[in-house]
Amino acid sequence: MRRDALHEIYVFAIDNAPDFPTGSAFGKAALEKILTLPLQLLPFVSRAERTRHARKFNALKDASDVPHAIAAYVYGCDAIVAYDEHFKSIAYLIPHMTPEDYL
């Protein structure tokens, strides 16, 4: 199953709310706020491109992080912004920042 970062934000809100309607409302509000920021939204790279770069990201222990890291690397992103500390293991390829660091 492929998950994207925006979906993960929505699910995070649902998982951390007292009930589904509250979590859904918070998740929607979070997505609306994010989409107003001066950020560029980028897709995952193709399977061929992912295969070509995968070896560089062997330090990532969670396979679901690899598509995010490869896309950030290929598109030349300034950093991966996440609470997930797994990305620190590839900081030599692309910097890792928490949301607080970024803002």
N, C-alpha and C. Protein backbone atom coordinates (compact mmCIF):
# COMPACT_ATOMS: atom_id res chain seq x y z
N MET A 1 0.85 -1.18 0.00
CA MET A 1 0.00 0.00 0.00
C MET A 1 0.89 1.24 0.00
N ARG A 2 0.66 2.14 -0.91
CA ARG A 2 1.43 3.38 -0.97
C ARG A 2 0.71 4.44 -0.16
N ARG A 3 1.47 5.11 0.71
CA ARG A 3 0.93 6.21 1.49
C ARG A 3 1.73 7.45 1.15
N ASP A 4 1.06 8.56 1.06
CA ASP A 4 1.79 9.79 0.83
C ASP A 4 1.76 10.64 2.08
N ALA A 5 2.61 11.63 2.13
CA ALA A 5 2.77 12.43 3.34
C ALA A 5 1.49 13.16 3.72
N LEU A 6 0.72 13.66 2.77
CA LEU A 6 -0.51 14.36 3.11
C LEU A 6 -1.52 13.40 3.75
N HIS A 7 -1.59 12.21 3.24
CA HIS A 7 -2.46 11.20 3.83
C HIS A 7 -2.02 10.91 5.26
N GLU A 8 -0.74 10.81 5.50
CA GLU A 8 -0.22 10.53 6.83
C GLU A 8 -0.59 11.63 7.81
N ILE A 9 -0.61 12.87 7.37
CA ILE A 9 -0.99 13.98 8.24
C ILE A 9 -2.46 13.84 8.65
N TYR A 10 -3.30 13.52 7.69
CA TYR A 10 -4.72 13.34 7.97
C TYR A 10 -4.94 12.18 8.95
N VAL A 11 -4.28 11.07 8.71
CA VAL A 11 -4.42 9.90 9.58
C VAL A 11 -3.87 10.20 10.98
N PHE A 12 -2.78 10.95 11.07
CA PHE A 12 -2.23 11.34 12.37
C PHE A 12 -3.28 12.09 13.18
N ALA A 13 -3.99 13.01 12.54
CA ALA A 13 -5.02 13.77 13.25
C ALA A 13 -6.14 12.84 13.74
N ILE A 14 -6.56 11.91 12.91
CA ILE A 14 -7.61 10.97 13.30
C ILE A 14 -7.14 10.10 14.47
N ASP A 15 -5.92 9.59 14.36
CA ASP A 15 -5.39 8.69 15.39
C ASP A 15 -5.18 9.37 16.74
N ASN A 16 -5.03 10.68 16.74
CA ASN A 16 -4.73 11.38 17.98
C ASN A 16 -5.89 12.24 18.49
N ALA A 17 -7.06 12.02 17.96
CA ALA A 17 -8.24 12.76 18.40
C ALA A 17 -9.11 11.86 19.27
N PRO A 18 -9.97 12.44 20.07
CA PRO A 18 -10.83 11.63 20.93
C PRO A 18 -11.88 10.81 20.17
N ASP A 19 -12.22 11.26 18.95
CA ASP A 19 -13.20 10.53 18.15
C ASP A 19 -12.98 10.86 16.67
N PHE A 20 -13.61 10.07 15.80
CA PHE A 20 -13.40 10.24 14.36
C PHE A 20 -13.85 11.61 13.84
N PRO A 21 -15.05 12.10 14.18
CA PRO A 21 -15.44 13.41 13.65
C PRO A 21 -14.46 14.53 14.02
N THR A 22 -13.97 14.52 15.26
CA THR A 22 -12.99 15.54 15.68
C THR A 22 -11.69 15.38 14.92
N GLY A 23 -11.20 14.14 14.83
CA GLY A 23 -9.96 13.89 14.09
C GLY A 23 -10.08 14.25 12.64
N SER A 24 -11.20 13.93 12.04
CA SER A 24 -11.42 14.26 10.63
C SER A 24 -11.42 15.77 10.41
N ALA A 25 -12.06 16.50 11.32
CA ALA A 25 -12.08 17.96 11.21
C ALA A 25 -10.68 18.55 11.38
N PHE A 26 -9.94 18.04 12.37
CA PHE A 26 -8.57 18.53 12.57
C PHE A 26 -7.69 18.18 11.38
N GLY A 27 -7.85 16.96 10.86
CA GLY A 27 -7.07 16.54 9.70
C GLY A 27 -7.34 17.41 8.49
N LYS A 28 -8.60 17.70 8.24
CA LYS A 28 -8.97 18.56 7.12
C LYS A 28 -8.39 19.96 7.30
N ALA A 29 -8.51 20.50 8.51
CA ALA A 29 -7.97 21.84 8.78
C ALA A 29 -6.46 21.87 8.59
N ALA A 30 -5.78 20.80 9.01
CA ALA A 30 -4.33 20.74 8.85
C ALA A 30 -3.96 20.72 7.37
N LEU A 31 -4.67 19.93 6.58
CA LEU A 31 -4.39 19.88 5.15
C LEU A 31 -4.67 21.22 4.47
N GLU A 32 -5.76 21.86 4.85
CA GLU A 32 -6.08 23.18 4.29
C GLU A 32 -4.96 24.18 4.61
N LYS A 33 -4.48 24.15 5.84
CA LYS A 33 -3.40 25.06 6.24
C LYS A 33 -2.13 24.78 5.45
N ILE A 34 -1.77 23.51 5.34
CA ILE A 34 -0.55 23.14 4.62
C ILE A 34 -0.63 23.58 3.17
N LEU A 35 -1.79 23.42 2.55
CA LEU A 35 -1.93 23.77 1.13
C LEU A 35 -1.89 25.27 0.88
N THR A 36 -1.98 26.09 1.94
CA THR A 36 -1.85 27.54 1.77
C THR A 36 -0.40 27.99 1.90
N LEU A 37 0.48 27.10 2.37
CA LEU A 37 1.89 27.45 2.55
C LEU A 37 2.60 27.51 1.21
N PRO A 38 3.68 28.27 1.13
CA PRO A 38 4.43 28.37 -0.14
C PRO A 38 5.33 27.14 -0.34
N LEU A 39 4.69 25.99 -0.51
CA LEU A 39 5.40 24.74 -0.72
C LEU A 39 5.05 24.20 -2.10
N GLN A 40 5.96 23.47 -2.67
CA GLN A 40 5.68 22.79 -3.93
C GLN A 40 5.37 21.33 -3.62
N LEU A 41 4.26 20.83 -4.12
CA LEU A 41 3.90 19.43 -3.94
C LEU A 41 4.49 18.62 -5.08
N LEU A 42 5.15 17.53 -4.73
CA LEU A 42 5.83 16.71 -5.71
C LEU A 42 5.35 15.27 -5.65
N PRO A 43 5.26 14.60 -6.79
CA PRO A 43 4.85 13.20 -6.79
C PRO A 43 6.04 12.29 -6.48
N PHE A 44 5.74 11.02 -6.18
CA PHE A 44 6.80 10.03 -6.10
C PHE A 44 7.42 9.86 -7.48
N VAL A 45 8.65 9.42 -7.54
CA VAL A 45 9.31 9.18 -8.83
C VAL A 45 8.84 7.84 -9.38
N SER A 46 9.15 7.59 -10.64
CA SER A 46 8.75 6.35 -11.28
C SER A 46 9.45 5.15 -10.64
N ARG A 47 8.93 3.98 -10.90
CA ARG A 47 9.54 2.75 -10.37
C ARG A 47 10.98 2.61 -10.85
N ALA A 48 11.22 2.92 -12.13
CA ALA A 48 12.58 2.82 -12.68
C ALA A 48 13.53 3.79 -11.96
N GLU A 49 13.07 5.00 -11.73
CA GLU A 49 13.89 6.00 -11.03
C GLU A 49 14.14 5.56 -9.59
N ARG A 50 13.13 5.00 -8.95
CA ARG A 50 13.28 4.53 -7.58
C ARG A 50 14.29 3.39 -7.51
N THR A 51 14.24 2.48 -8.46
CA THR A 51 15.18 1.36 -8.49
C THR A 51 16.60 1.87 -8.69
N ARG A 52 16.75 2.88 -9.53
CA ARG A 52 18.08 3.43 -9.83
C ARG A 52 18.74 4.04 -8.59
N HIS A 53 17.96 4.59 -7.69
CA HIS A 53 18.50 5.30 -6.52
C HIS A 53 18.40 4.51 -5.22
N ALA A 54 17.70 3.40 -5.21
CA ALA A 54 17.38 2.69 -3.97
C ALA A 54 18.61 2.34 -3.14
N ARG A 55 19.69 1.94 -3.77
CA ARG A 55 20.88 1.51 -3.04
C ARG A 55 21.45 2.62 -2.16
N LYS A 56 21.29 3.88 -2.58
CA LYS A 56 21.80 5.00 -1.79
C LYS A 56 21.10 5.11 -0.44
N PHE A 57 19.92 4.51 -0.33
CA PHE A 57 19.09 4.69 0.85
C PHE A 57 18.98 3.43 1.70
N ASN A 58 19.98 2.56 1.62
CA ASN A 58 20.00 1.33 2.42
C ASN A 58 19.99 1.60 3.92
N ALA A 59 20.42 2.78 4.34
CA ALA A 59 20.46 3.10 5.78
C ALA A 59 19.06 3.27 6.37
N LEU A 60 18.06 3.46 5.53
CA LEU A 60 16.69 3.58 6.03
C LEU A 60 16.17 2.20 6.38
N LYS A 61 15.78 2.02 7.61
CA LYS A 61 15.31 0.71 8.07
C LYS A 61 13.83 0.48 7.76
N ASP A 62 13.06 1.54 7.59
CA ASP A 62 11.64 1.42 7.28
C ASP A 62 11.45 1.59 5.77
N ALA A 63 11.08 0.52 5.10
CA ALA A 63 10.94 0.54 3.63
C ALA A 63 9.91 1.57 3.16
N SER A 64 8.94 1.90 4.00
CA SER A 64 7.94 2.89 3.57
C SER A 64 8.52 4.30 3.52
N ASP A 65 9.68 4.52 4.13
CA ASP A 65 10.34 5.83 4.07
C ASP A 65 11.12 6.04 2.76
N VAL A 66 11.50 4.96 2.12
CA VAL A 66 12.38 5.04 0.95
C VAL A 66 11.78 5.85 -0.20
N PRO A 67 10.53 5.63 -0.60
CA PRO A 67 9.99 6.44 -1.70
C PRO A 67 10.01 7.94 -1.40
N HIS A 68 9.75 8.31 -0.14
CA HIS A 68 9.77 9.72 0.24
C HIS A 68 11.19 10.28 0.12
N ALA A 69 12.16 9.53 0.61
CA ALA A 69 13.55 9.99 0.58
C ALA A 69 14.06 10.10 -0.85
N ILE A 70 13.77 9.12 -1.67
CA ILE A 70 14.23 9.16 -3.06
C ILE A 70 13.61 10.33 -3.79
N ALA A 71 12.32 10.55 -3.61
CA ALA A 71 11.67 11.69 -4.28
C ALA A 71 12.30 13.00 -3.83
N ALA A 72 12.53 13.16 -2.53
CA ALA A 72 13.15 14.38 -2.02
C ALA A 72 14.54 14.57 -2.62
N TYR A 73 15.28 13.51 -2.73
CA TYR A 73 16.64 13.55 -3.28
C TYR A 73 16.61 13.90 -4.77
N VAL A 74 15.78 13.21 -5.53
CA VAL A 74 15.72 13.41 -6.99
C VAL A 74 15.24 14.82 -7.33
N TYR A 75 14.26 15.32 -6.59
CA TYR A 75 13.72 16.65 -6.88
C TYR A 75 14.56 17.77 -6.27
N GLY A 76 15.63 17.42 -5.55
CA GLY A 76 16.52 18.43 -4.99
C GLY A 76 15.91 19.23 -3.85
N CYS A 77 15.11 18.58 -3.03
CA CYS A 77 14.51 19.27 -1.88
C CYS A 77 15.59 19.71 -0.90
N ASP A 78 15.32 20.78 -0.20
CA ASP A 78 16.28 21.30 0.78
C ASP A 78 16.42 20.39 1.99
N ALA A 79 15.35 19.68 2.33
CA ALA A 79 15.36 18.81 3.50
C ALA A 79 14.12 17.92 3.49
N ILE A 80 14.17 16.87 4.31
CA ILE A 80 12.98 16.08 4.61
C ILE A 80 12.49 16.58 5.97
N VAL A 81 11.26 17.04 6.00
CA VAL A 81 10.68 17.58 7.22
C VAL A 81 9.74 16.53 7.79
N ALA A 82 10.10 15.99 8.95
CA ALA A 82 9.31 14.92 9.55
C ALA A 82 9.68 14.75 11.01
N TYR A 83 8.73 14.23 11.77
CA TYR A 83 9.04 13.83 13.14
C TYR A 83 9.75 12.49 13.16
N ASP A 84 9.63 11.74 12.08
CA ASP A 84 10.22 10.41 11.95
C ASP A 84 11.74 10.53 11.97
N GLU A 85 12.35 10.01 13.01
CA GLU A 85 13.81 10.12 13.18
C GLU A 85 14.58 9.20 12.24
N HIS A 86 13.88 8.30 11.55
CA HIS A 86 14.57 7.39 10.63
C HIS A 86 15.37 8.16 9.58
N PHE A 87 14.87 9.32 9.21
CA PHE A 87 15.52 10.08 8.14
C PHE A 87 16.88 10.65 8.54
N LYS A 88 17.17 10.69 9.84
CA LYS A 88 18.49 11.15 10.28
C LYS A 88 19.60 10.25 9.73
N SER A 89 19.28 8.99 9.48
CA SER A 89 20.30 8.06 8.99
C SER A 89 20.77 8.36 7.57
N ILE A 90 20.06 9.24 6.86
CA ILE A 90 20.48 9.60 5.50
C ILE A 90 20.76 11.10 5.39
N ALA A 91 21.04 11.73 6.52
CA ALA A 91 21.29 13.18 6.53
C ALA A 91 22.48 13.57 5.66
N TYR A 92 23.36 12.62 5.37
CA TYR A 92 24.50 12.91 4.49
C TYR A 92 24.03 13.06 3.03
N LEU A 93 22.84 12.57 2.71
CA LEU A 93 22.28 12.72 1.37
C LEU A 93 21.30 13.89 1.28
N ILE A 94 20.47 14.01 2.30
CA ILE A 94 19.47 15.09 2.35
C ILE A 94 19.20 15.40 3.82
N PRO A 95 19.28 16.66 4.21
CA PRO A 95 19.09 17.01 5.62
C PRO A 95 17.70 16.62 6.14
N HIS A 96 17.64 16.31 7.43
CA HIS A 96 16.39 16.02 8.12
C HIS A 96 16.09 17.16 9.06
N MET A 97 14.83 17.62 9.06
CA MET A 97 14.40 18.69 9.96
C MET A 97 13.06 18.28 10.57
N THR A 98 12.82 18.71 11.80
CA THR A 98 11.49 18.54 12.37
C THR A 98 10.63 19.71 11.85
N PRO A 99 9.31 19.59 11.95
CA PRO A 99 8.48 20.73 11.54
C PRO A 99 8.83 22.01 12.29
N GLU A 100 9.16 21.90 13.58
CA GLU A 100 9.54 23.09 14.34
C GLU A 100 10.82 23.71 13.79
N ASP A 101 11.79 22.88 13.40
CA ASP A 101 13.03 23.39 12.80
C ASP A 101 12.72 24.15 11.52
N TYR A 102 11.82 23.61 10.72
CA TYR A 102 11.49 24.20 9.42
C TYR A 102 10.79 25.54 9.57
N LEU A 103 9.86 25.61 10.51
CA LEU A 103 9.08 26.85 10.68
C LEU A 103 9.88 27.86 11.45
